[in-house]
Protein backbone atom coordinates (compact mmCIF):
# COMPACT_ATOMS: atom_id res chain seq x y z
CA MET A 1 29.21 11.36 18.57
CA THR A 2 26.82 12.89 21.12
CA SER A 3 23.60 11.24 22.18
CA ASN A 4 20.26 12.97 22.09
CA PRO A 5 18.93 13.12 25.69
CA THR A 6 15.47 14.20 24.51
CA ALA A 7 15.15 11.17 22.22
CA ALA A 8 16.30 8.87 25.02
CA SER A 9 13.79 10.34 27.49
CA ASN A 10 11.00 10.12 24.86
CA SER A 11 11.85 6.46 24.21
CA LEU A 12 11.84 5.74 27.95
CA ALA A 13 8.50 7.53 28.37
CA MET A 14 7.00 5.54 25.50
CA SER A 15 8.26 2.26 26.97
CA GLU A 16 6.80 3.15 30.36
CA SER A 17 3.47 4.12 28.75
CA ILE A 18 3.37 0.84 26.85
CA GLU A 19 4.02 -1.18 29.99
CA GLU A 20 1.44 0.84 31.95
CA HIS A 21 -1.35 0.08 29.44
CA ARG A 22 -0.32 -3.39 28.22
CA LYS A 23 -2.34 -5.44 30.74
CA LYS A 24 -5.57 -3.45 30.30
CA LEU A 25 -5.34 -3.55 26.50
CA ARG A 26 -4.50 -7.27 26.48
CA ALA A 27 -7.66 -7.93 28.53
CA LEU A 28 -9.78 -5.72 26.26
CA ILE A 29 -8.52 -7.43 23.12
CA GLY A 30 -8.80 -10.89 24.73
CA GLN A 31 -12.54 -10.32 25.31
CA LYS A 32 -13.11 -10.07 21.55
CA ILE A 33 -10.32 -12.20 20.08
CA GLN A 34 -10.12 -15.75 21.38
CA ASP A 35 -6.94 -16.73 19.52
CA GLN A 36 -4.10 -15.63 21.81
CA ILE A 37 -1.57 -15.26 19.01
CA GLU A 38 -3.94 -13.08 17.02
CA ALA A 39 -4.76 -11.06 20.16
CA GLU A 40 -1.06 -10.51 20.81
CA ASP A 41 -0.56 -9.39 17.20
CA ILE A 42 -3.34 -6.83 17.60
CA LEU A 43 -1.77 -5.60 20.82
CA GLN A 44 1.58 -5.19 19.06
CA ASP A 45 -0.16 -3.37 16.17
CA VAL A 46 -1.69 -0.94 18.68
CA PHE A 47 1.71 -0.16 20.16
CA GLU A 48 3.20 0.13 16.68
CA GLU A 49 0.60 2.77 15.85
CA TYR A 50 1.44 4.55 19.12
CA VAL A 51 5.14 4.65 18.19
CA GLU A 52 4.24 5.97 14.73
CA ALA A 53 2.03 8.68 16.27
CA MET A 54 4.84 9.75 18.58
CA ASP A 55 7.34 9.77 15.69
CA ILE A 56 5.21 12.21 13.71
CA GLY A 57 4.51 14.35 16.77
CA GLU A 58 0.80 13.60 17.08
CA ILE A 59 -0.67 15.13 20.23
CA ILE A 60 -2.47 12.54 22.35
CA GLU A 61 -4.36 14.14 25.21
CA THR A 62 -5.63 11.00 26.97
CA LEU A 63 -3.33 8.10 26.16
CA GLY A 64 -5.50 5.36 27.70
CA ALA A 65 -8.57 6.41 25.73
CA TRP A 66 -6.51 6.81 22.55
CA LEU A 67 -4.96 3.34 22.88
CA THR A 68 -8.38 1.82 23.62
CA ARG A 69 -9.85 3.41 20.48
CA VAL A 70 -6.93 2.16 18.37
CA ALA A 71 -7.36 -1.35 19.83
CA GLN A 72 -11.08 -1.32 19.04
CA ASN A 73 -10.36 -0.20 15.48
CA LYS A 74 -7.75 -2.94 15.05
CA ILE A 75 -10.25 -5.55 16.28
CA ILE A 76 -12.86 -4.29 13.83
CA ASP A 77 -10.28 -4.35 11.01
CA ARG A 78 -9.39 -7.94 11.90
CA PHE A 79 -13.07 -9.00 11.79
CA ARG A 80 -13.55 -7.25 8.44
CA ARG A 81 -10.46 -8.92 6.98
CA THR A 82 -11.56 -12.35 8.23
CA LYS A 83 -15.04 -11.82 6.79
CA THR A 84 -13.58 -10.74 3.44
CA GLN A 85 -11.29 -13.79 3.34
CA LYS A 86 -14.20 -16.12 4.13
CA ASN A 87 -16.33 -14.48 1.42
CA TYR A 88 -13.49 -14.86 -1.09
CA LEU A 89 -13.11 -18.55 -0.25
CA LEU A 90 -16.86 -19.11 -0.57
CA GLU A 91 -17.02 -17.28 -3.91
CA ASN A 92 -14.03 -19.20 -5.27
CA SER A 93 -15.03 -22.69 -4.25
CA SER A 94 -17.22 -25.13 -6.11
CA THR A 95 -20.32 -26.80 -4.67
CA ASP A 96 -18.31 -29.84 -3.53
CA GLY A 97 -16.09 -27.58 -1.38
CA THR A 98 -12.97 -27.75 -3.52
CA ALA A 99 -11.36 -24.63 -4.97
CA ASN A 100 -12.05 -23.76 -8.60
CA ASN A 101 -9.20 -24.42 -10.97
CA PRO A 102 -7.32 -21.19 -11.64
CA THR A 103 -7.11 -20.06 -15.23
CA PRO A 104 -3.71 -19.65 -16.91
CA GLU A 105 -4.23 -15.88 -16.57
CA ASP A 106 -4.81 -16.25 -12.82
CA GLU A 107 -1.66 -18.32 -12.46
CA LEU A 108 0.35 -15.82 -14.50
CA MET A 109 -0.94 -12.91 -12.38
CA GLN A 110 -0.17 -14.79 -9.15
CA SER A 111 3.33 -15.56 -10.38
CA PHE A 112 3.89 -11.93 -11.38
CA LEU A 113 2.61 -10.61 -8.03
CA ARG A 114 4.68 -13.12 -6.09
CA GLY A 115 7.77 -12.02 -8.02
CA GLU A 116 7.06 -8.33 -7.36
CA ILE A 117 6.51 -8.93 -3.65
CA ILE A 118 9.72 -10.96 -3.37
CA ALA A 119 11.64 -8.26 -5.24
CA ALA A 120 10.23 -5.57 -2.91
CA LEU A 121 11.14 -7.63 0.16
CA ASP A 122 14.65 -8.20 -1.21
CA ALA A 123 15.07 -4.44 -1.65
CA LEU A 124 14.48 -3.80 2.06
CA PRO A 125 17.41 -3.35 4.45
CA GLU A 126 18.11 -6.66 6.20
CA ASN A 127 16.95 -5.52 9.66
CA GLN A 128 13.59 -4.32 8.28
CA ARG A 129 13.08 -7.38 6.07
CA SER A 130 13.86 -9.71 8.96
CA VAL A 131 11.34 -8.09 11.31
CA PHE A 132 8.66 -7.93 8.62
CA ILE A 133 9.08 -11.59 7.63
CA GLN A 134 9.21 -12.84 11.21
CA HIS A 135 6.10 -10.91 12.24
CA GLU A 136 3.92 -11.03 9.13
CA ILE A 137 4.92 -14.30 7.47
CA GLU A 138 6.19 -16.48 10.31
CA GLY A 139 3.60 -15.09 12.74
CA LYS A 140 6.02 -14.33 15.57
CA SER A 141 5.05 -11.70 18.11
CA PHE A 142 7.26 -8.67 18.63
CA GLU A 143 7.88 -9.89 22.15
CA ASP A 144 9.28 -13.19 20.85
CA ILE A 145 11.41 -11.47 18.22
CA SER A 146 12.75 -9.09 20.86
CA GLN A 147 13.69 -11.97 23.15
CA GLU A 148 15.38 -13.85 20.30
CA THR A 149 17.34 -10.89 18.95
CA GLY A 150 17.88 -8.71 22.01
CA VAL A 151 16.45 -5.73 20.09
CA SER A 152 13.86 -3.59 21.92
CA ILE A 153 10.21 -3.86 20.92
CA ASN A 154 10.12 -0.14 20.07
CA THR A 155 13.02 -0.60 17.63
CA LEU A 156 11.33 -3.63 16.08
CA LEU A 157 8.08 -1.68 15.70
CA ALA A 158 9.90 1.17 13.99
CA ARG A 159 11.73 -1.21 11.63
CA LYS A 160 8.48 -2.89 10.65
CA ARG A 161 6.83 0.49 10.11
CA TYR A 162 9.65 1.54 7.77
CA ALA A 163 9.36 -1.77 5.93
CA ILE A 164 5.61 -1.31 5.46
CA GLN A 165 6.07 2.24 4.21
CA PHE A 166 8.66 1.05 1.69
CA LEU A 167 6.53 -1.90 0.54
CA ARG A 168 3.43 0.28 0.15
CA GLU A 169 5.34 2.75 -1.98
CA HIS A 170 7.06 0.06 -4.03
CA LEU A 171 3.89 -1.95 -4.67
CA LYS A 172 1.48 1.00 -5.06
CA GLU A 173 1.75 1.11 -8.86
CA ILE A 174 1.06 -2.60 -9.18
CA TYR A 175 -1.92 -2.41 -6.84
CA ASN A 176 -3.40 0.50 -8.79
CA GLU A 177 -3.06 -1.42 -12.07
CA ILE A 178 -4.88 -4.53 -10.83
């Protein structure tokens, strides 16, 4: 089996680019996001998007500016998601601050969705499922996962990206029906 020298040099260039911009992006994100774990997750999401862009051959003229824009978008997305979650909790709580009792239909729908999500996760290849669960459910950073497993961050990012693509496709029909 022969190795692909172009792929190896591209991977090395991406790793060097990530390391070159990591400190600046961490500071930028840290100015807006006080929670260090959440800030680190955003940083990892930015680099994941960079790896995806490189995989599809996107042309990035000024990498620093591009990464900064992606980081700003990720921060905005995080604020929107947090606001939406807070609004949902407010709308679904009673005046005494306790959650409303779910209806049997709500419980059935939650059970169905939970089953579909578990089935989709079970259908993933083990290496993708493991990265997805560790990052999204257990809240581990890619850096921690990399240190624990000895797998490079770029490989972990790619595995998570493939997992997300699979889960989106698998769960798209269900989402559209709800």
